[in-house]
Protein backbone atom coordinates (compact mmCIF):
# COMPACT_ATOMS: atom_id res chain seq x y z
CA UNK A 1 37.59 -3.61 -16.29
CA UNK A 2 37.37 -0.04 -18.10
CA UNK A 3 34.87 -2.16 -20.96
CA UNK A 4 33.07 -3.03 -17.78
CA UNK A 5 32.09 0.46 -16.55
CA UNK A 6 31.41 1.59 -20.61
CA UNK A 7 28.85 -1.25 -20.55
CA UNK A 8 27.25 -0.51 -16.68
CA UNK A 9 27.11 3.17 -18.31
CA UNK A 10 25.15 2.42 -20.99
CA UNK A 11 22.47 0.36 -19.05
CA UNK A 12 18.93 1.32 -18.82
CA UNK A 13 17.94 2.82 -16.26
CA UNK A 14 14.49 4.63 -15.46
CA UNK A 15 13.06 7.74 -15.75
CA UNK A 16 10.83 8.88 -13.28
CA UNK A 17 7.50 9.92 -15.40
CA UNK A 18 4.55 9.88 -12.91
CA UNK A 19 3.17 13.24 -11.72
CA UNK A 20 1.66 11.91 -8.39
CA UNK A 21 5.60 10.33 -7.48
CA UNK A 22 7.54 13.41 -9.14
CA UNK A 23 5.18 15.44 -6.92
CA UNK A 24 5.99 13.22 -3.59
CA UNK A 25 9.79 12.83 -3.95
CA UNK A 26 10.03 16.72 -4.53
CA UNK A 27 7.98 17.68 -1.86
CA UNK A 28 9.70 15.32 0.84
CA UNK A 29 13.10 16.49 -0.81
CA UNK A 30 11.93 20.13 -0.22
CA UNK A 31 10.94 19.04 3.51
CA UNK A 32 14.36 17.60 4.21
CA UNK A 33 16.24 20.89 3.52
CA UNK A 34 13.95 22.53 5.27
CA UNK A 35 14.03 20.49 8.21
CA UNK A 36 17.91 19.46 8.17
CA UNK A 37 18.34 23.46 8.08
CA UNK A 38 15.80 24.19 11.36
CA UNK A 39 17.47 21.21 13.31
CA UNK A 40 20.89 21.67 12.57
CA UNK A 41 21.17 25.24 12.26
CA UNK A 42 24.75 24.51 9.42
CA UNK A 43 26.04 27.80 7.58
CA UNK A 44 24.67 30.22 10.73
CA UNK A 45 21.31 29.77 9.57
CA UNK A 46 20.16 29.46 13.29
CA UNK A 47 20.47 33.32 13.66
CA UNK A 48 16.92 33.16 11.63
CA UNK A 49 15.48 31.05 14.31
CA UNK A 50 16.48 33.68 17.15
CA UNK A 51 15.40 36.52 14.97
CA UNK A 52 11.98 35.37 14.93
CA UNK A 53 12.48 34.43 10.93
CA UNK A 54 12.60 30.89 10.72
CA UNK A 55 10.03 31.10 7.72
CA UNK A 56 13.00 31.91 5.65
CA UNK A 57 14.83 28.50 5.90
CA UNK A 58 11.31 27.23 5.09
CA UNK A 59 11.94 29.20 1.45
CA UNK A 60 15.19 26.99 0.81
CA UNK A 61 12.93 24.01 1.30
CA UNK A 62 10.52 25.62 -0.98
CA UNK A 63 13.32 26.53 -3.88
CA UNK A 64 14.47 23.36 -4.02
CA UNK A 65 11.26 21.50 -4.56
CA UNK A 66 10.11 24.49 -7.54
CA UNK A 67 13.24 23.30 -8.89
CA UNK A 68 13.40 19.86 -9.20
CA UNK A 69 9.72 19.95 -10.03
CA UNK A 70 10.58 22.25 -13.26
CA UNK A 71 13.00 20.42 -13.94
CA UNK A 72 11.58 16.86 -13.96
CA UNK A 73 8.64 18.27 -15.53
CA UNK A 74 9.55 21.05 -17.76
CA UNK A 75 13.03 19.37 -19.15
CA UNK A 76 11.14 16.46 -20.76
CA UNK A 77 8.48 18.35 -22.33
CA UNK A 78 10.65 20.43 -24.09
CA UNK A 79 13.47 17.78 -25.07
CA UNK A 80 11.44 15.04 -25.47
CA UNK A 81 14.13 13.30 -27.82
CA UNK A 82 16.65 13.80 -25.00
CA UNK A 83 14.74 12.34 -22.30
CA UNK A 84 13.26 9.80 -24.18
CA UNK A 85 12.87 6.64 -21.63
CA UNK A 86 13.66 4.01 -24.44
CA UNK A 87 17.56 5.82 -24.71
CA UNK A 88 17.85 6.49 -20.92
CA UNK A 89 20.47 5.17 -19.23
CA UNK A 90 22.65 5.15 -16.19
CA UNK A 91 25.22 7.83 -17.36
CA UNK A 92 22.24 10.05 -18.50
CA UNK A 93 20.75 9.38 -15.32
CA UNK A 94 24.40 10.51 -13.15
CA UNK A 95 24.47 13.75 -15.52
CA UNK A 96 21.05 14.89 -14.77
CA UNK A 97 21.63 13.94 -11.25
CA UNK A 98 24.44 16.44 -11.44
CA UNK A 99 22.14 18.43 -13.12
CA UNK A 100 19.77 18.26 -10.34
CA UNK A 101 22.21 19.71 -7.43
CA UNK A 102 23.67 22.46 -9.20
CA UNK A 103 20.67 23.89 -10.47
CA UNK A 104 19.05 23.35 -6.94
CA UNK A 105 22.28 25.00 -5.09
CA UNK A 106 22.21 27.74 -7.37
CA UNK A 107 18.62 28.66 -7.42
CA UNK A 108 19.00 28.65 -2.96
CA UNK A 109 22.24 30.75 -4.04
CA UNK A 110 20.25 33.19 -5.08
CA UNK A 111 17.60 33.07 -2.64
CA UNK A 112 20.44 33.82 0.05
CA UNK A 113 21.16 36.98 -2.09
CA UNK A 114 17.55 37.82 -2.23
CA UNK A 115 17.09 37.44 0.97
CA UNK A 116 20.63 39.30 2.00
CA UNK A 117 22.45 36.60 3.05
CA UNK A 118 25.12 36.47 1.07
CA UNK A 119 26.52 39.27 -1.49
CA UNK A 120 26.99 37.32 -4.83
CA UNK A 121 29.72 37.89 -7.56
CA UNK A 122 30.56 36.11 -10.79
CA UNK A 123 33.77 34.65 -8.83
CA UNK A 124 31.89 32.91 -6.75
CA UNK A 125 30.17 30.74 -9.28
CA UNK A 126 32.94 28.68 -10.07
CA UNK A 127 33.80 27.29 -6.70
CA UNK A 128 29.93 26.53 -5.89
CA UNK A 129 30.04 24.14 -8.81
CA UNK A 130 33.03 22.86 -8.16
CA UNK A 131 31.88 22.27 -4.19
CA UNK A 132 28.43 21.00 -5.45
CA UNK A 133 30.14 18.58 -7.58
CA UNK A 134 32.40 17.26 -5.32
CA UNK A 135 29.75 16.27 -2.92
CA UNK A 136 27.05 14.83 -5.01
CA UNK A 137 29.64 13.11 -6.48
CA UNK A 138 29.39 9.91 -4.34
CA UNK A 139 26.00 9.96 -3.24
CA UNK A 140 24.78 10.06 -6.92
CA UNK A 141 26.60 7.18 -8.16
CA UNK A 142 25.99 4.99 -4.92
CA UNK A 143 22.21 6.19 -5.01
CA UNK A 144 22.24 5.17 -8.97
CA UNK A 145 24.37 2.18 -8.72
CA UNK A 146 21.68 0.64 -5.65
CA UNK A 147 18.72 1.40 -7.50
CA UNK A 148 19.89 -0.48 -10.72
CA UNK A 149 21.37 -3.06 -9.63
CA UNK A 150 18.06 -3.23 -7.03
CA UNK A 151 15.53 -2.93 -10.11
CA UNK A 152 17.60 -5.43 -12.63
CA UNK A 153 17.70 -7.83 -10.34
CA UNK A 154 13.62 -7.89 -9.64
CA UNK A 155 12.72 -7.61 -12.57
CA UNK A 156 15.14 -10.47 -13.95
CA UNK A 157 13.90 -13.22 -10.93
CA UNK A 158 10.27 -12.38 -11.63
CA UNK A 159 10.38 -12.93 -15.70
CA UNK A 160 11.90 -16.71 -14.69
CA UNK A 161 8.26 -17.00 -13.18
CA UNK A 162 5.83 -14.98 -15.49
CA UNK A 163 7.52 -16.91 -18.22
CA UNK A 164 6.95 -20.21 -16.80
CA UNK A 165 3.34 -18.97 -16.84
CA UNK A 166 3.20 -18.27 -20.28
CA UNK A 167 4.79 -22.10 -20.92
CA UNK A 168 1.58 -23.34 -19.59
CA UNK A 169 -0.32 -20.44 -22.06
CA UNK A 170 0.80 -22.38 -24.78
CA UNK A 171 -0.34 -25.73 -23.09
CA UNK A 172 -4.07 -24.40 -22.77
CA UNK A 173 -4.19 -23.24 -26.69
CA UNK A 174 -4.25 -27.06 -27.96
CA UNK A 175 -7.49 -27.36 -25.18
CA UNK A 176 -9.46 -23.99 -26.42
CA UNK A 177 -12.83 -24.03 -27.35
CA UNK A 178 -14.04 -24.84 -30.63
CA UNK A 179 -15.73 -21.47 -30.76
CA UNK A 180 -13.68 -18.72 -29.45
CA UNK A 181 -14.74 -15.38 -28.77
CA UNK A 182 -15.13 -13.02 -31.44
CA UNK A 183 -14.60 -9.07 -30.99
CA UNK A 184 -15.77 -6.50 -32.88
CA UNK A 185 -14.05 -3.50 -33.06
CA UNK A 186 -15.15 -0.11 -34.58
CA UNK A 187 -13.89 3.21 -35.41
CA UNK A 188 -14.96 6.30 -34.28
CA UNK A 189 -17.46 7.26 -36.19
CA UNK A 190 -18.93 3.51 -36.52
CA UNK A 191 -18.99 2.77 -40.68
CA UNK A 192 -15.57 0.71 -40.05
CA UNK A 193 -15.08 -2.54 -38.17
CA UNK A 194 -13.32 -5.28 -37.71
CA UNK A 195 -14.12 -8.36 -36.71
CA UNK A 196 -11.38 -10.62 -34.80
CA UNK A 197 -11.20 -14.01 -33.67
CA UNK A 198 -9.59 -13.30 -30.21
CA UNK A 199 -7.22 -16.23 -29.85
CA UNK A 200 -5.98 -14.18 -33.40
CA UNK A 201 -5.53 -11.14 -31.31
CA UNK A 202 -2.26 -10.22 -30.47
CA UNK A 203 -2.52 -6.41 -29.53
CA UNK A 204 -3.74 -3.15 -30.11
CA UNK A 205 -1.04 -0.13 -31.01
CA UNK A 206 -1.83 2.96 -30.72
CA UNK A 207 -0.78 5.98 -33.27
CA UNK A 208 -1.88 9.21 -33.41
CA UNK A 209 -5.31 9.22 -34.41
CA UNK A 210 -5.14 5.53 -35.49
CA UNK A 211 -5.05 2.10 -33.99
CA UNK A 212 -3.14 -0.74 -35.75
CA UNK A 213 -4.73 -3.99 -34.74
CA UNK A 214 -2.28 -6.43 -35.39
CA UNK A 215 -3.30 -10.14 -35.16
CA UNK A 216 -1.93 -13.52 -36.80
CA UNK A 217 -3.15 -15.20 -40.00
CA UNK A 218 -2.14 -18.80 -40.21
CA UNK A 219 1.93 -18.72 -39.86
CA UNK A 220 1.40 -14.44 -40.48
CA UNK A 221 1.32 -10.95 -38.99
CA UNK A 222 -1.84 -9.28 -40.22
CA UNK A 223 -1.67 -5.33 -39.16
CA UNK A 224 -5.04 -3.77 -39.60
CA UNK A 225 -5.84 -0.11 -39.52
CA UNK A 226 -8.66 1.92 -37.73
CA UNK A 227 -9.45 5.71 -36.46
CA UNK A 228 -10.02 5.53 -32.94
CA UNK A 229 -8.69 6.07 -29.56
CA UNK A 230 -7.17 3.29 -27.72
CA UNK A 231 -8.98 4.42 -24.35
CA UNK A 232 -12.53 4.10 -26.44
CA UNK A 233 -11.51 0.53 -27.75
CA UNK A 234 -10.41 -0.50 -24.01
CA UNK A 235 -13.93 0.80 -22.93
CA UNK A 236 -15.57 -1.64 -25.38
CA UNK A 237 -13.75 -4.43 -24.32
CA UNK A 238 -13.23 -4.50 -21.04
CA UNK A 239 -15.58 -7.55 -20.74
CA UNK A 240 -12.40 -9.45 -21.73
CA UNK A 241 -9.71 -9.67 -19.05
CA UNK A 242 -7.06 -11.00 -21.46
CA UNK A 243 -6.59 -7.66 -22.60
CA UNK A 244 -4.40 -5.25 -20.70
CA UNK A 245 -3.37 -2.52 -21.35
CA UNK A 246 0.63 -2.20 -20.42
CA UNK A 247 1.27 1.25 -21.37
CA UNK A 248 -0.72 3.85 -22.46
CA UNK A 249 -0.22 3.40 -26.10
CA UNK A 250 -0.27 -0.40 -26.00
CA UNK A 251 -3.64 -3.09 -25.55
CA UNK A 252 -1.86 -6.22 -25.31
CA UNK A 253 -3.52 -9.96 -25.35
CA UNK A 254 -1.67 -11.81 -22.43
CA UNK A 255 -2.67 -14.86 -23.41
CA UNK A 256 -0.55 -14.78 -26.83
CA UNK A 257 2.81 -13.35 -24.78
CA UNK A 258 5.69 -15.44 -26.48
CA UNK A 259 7.93 -13.99 -23.84
CA UNK A 260 8.68 -11.75 -20.71
CA UNK A 261 12.10 -10.00 -20.65
CA UNK A 262 12.83 -7.05 -17.95
CA UNK A 263 15.76 -4.94 -17.01
CA UNK A 264 15.93 -1.85 -14.65
CA UNK A 265 12.86 -0.11 -17.23
CA UNK A 266 10.68 -2.88 -16.43
CA UNK A 267 9.46 -5.43 -18.48
CA UNK A 268 9.14 -5.92 -22.23
CA UNK A 269 6.79 -8.04 -23.77
CA UNK A 270 7.70 -10.12 -26.78
CA UNK A 271 5.10 -11.52 -29.32
CA UNK A 272 6.01 -14.04 -32.14
CA UNK A 273 6.35 -12.75 -34.83
CA UNK A 274 6.80 -8.96 -33.87
CA UNK A 275 10.32 -7.69 -34.42
CA UNK A 276 10.18 -5.34 -31.17
CA UNK A 277 9.28 -5.68 -27.42
CA UNK A 278 6.43 -3.73 -26.27
CA UNK A 279 7.44 -2.04 -22.44
CA UNK A 280 5.25 -2.21 -19.69
CA UNK A 281 4.93 0.71 -17.76
CA UNK A 282 5.67 0.98 -14.13
CA UNK A 283 2.24 1.43 -13.05
CA UNK A 284 0.76 -1.63 -14.56
CA UNK A 285 3.81 -4.11 -13.27
CA UNK A 286 1.63 -4.88 -10.66
CA UNK A 287 -1.38 -5.83 -12.66
CA UNK A 288 0.72 -8.26 -15.61
CA UNK A 289 1.71 -10.49 -12.49
CA UNK A 290 -2.01 -10.83 -11.31
CA UNK A 291 -3.04 -11.58 -14.57
CA UNK A 292 -0.17 -14.46 -15.07
CA UNK A 293 -0.46 -15.08 -11.15
């Protein structure tokens, strides 16, 4: 049993990095906190409404919003290795949710002190932390378990359909044109260029100020490097619908994907002869499904 629990905690888990979704979820939670205080008036908060100072209750929501945005945006920037999604798992997700509960509660505790609602002392914090953790334990575990199960099932089931479609691509390759298109990729300065048969191109990877172009050469994999941005190359090759930007650092040839795998973090693309999987950002998941539909 304990082995199964440890395995579950080590399962990949998504970390939200979309600023739009972070903002939306943060403002939603902040509004919920304020409306909860205004409607149910717990902890004597109704006295502010009677006094005509309901704006104070909205302050709790604002504090919640600010702390959420700060935690989810600033911490990953300061500690990128800790918040690296490739290493993010269920256990880290649970720890982070508990941290959010504690940091939001602490900030609102200081806000209560600021508005004169509560006299704080150093002895208040141990009890407060235990209360926050006790209240948040089961909701956090349940929500993470539910999200993980839903996403895992979603991506696993859809990969079966995608891989069937990819298998049909293999059959189509035997019927490909005698003169397949040749793409010309130039460097930033225009001095260097690479000509690649589109059928041989696997993917293009962004590495700092350069791009790495991976192609097949008979049964071998060849890597070529050019000084250029991936965005520039994507713009120049937009006429080729098989080229798909699946991630901010990757532009892939959909027709050469050998297999798609998935977990709760999303889809992973695999190419023959390449020893690692290429992630598909969740923002691009629907577009991938359209391309292989």
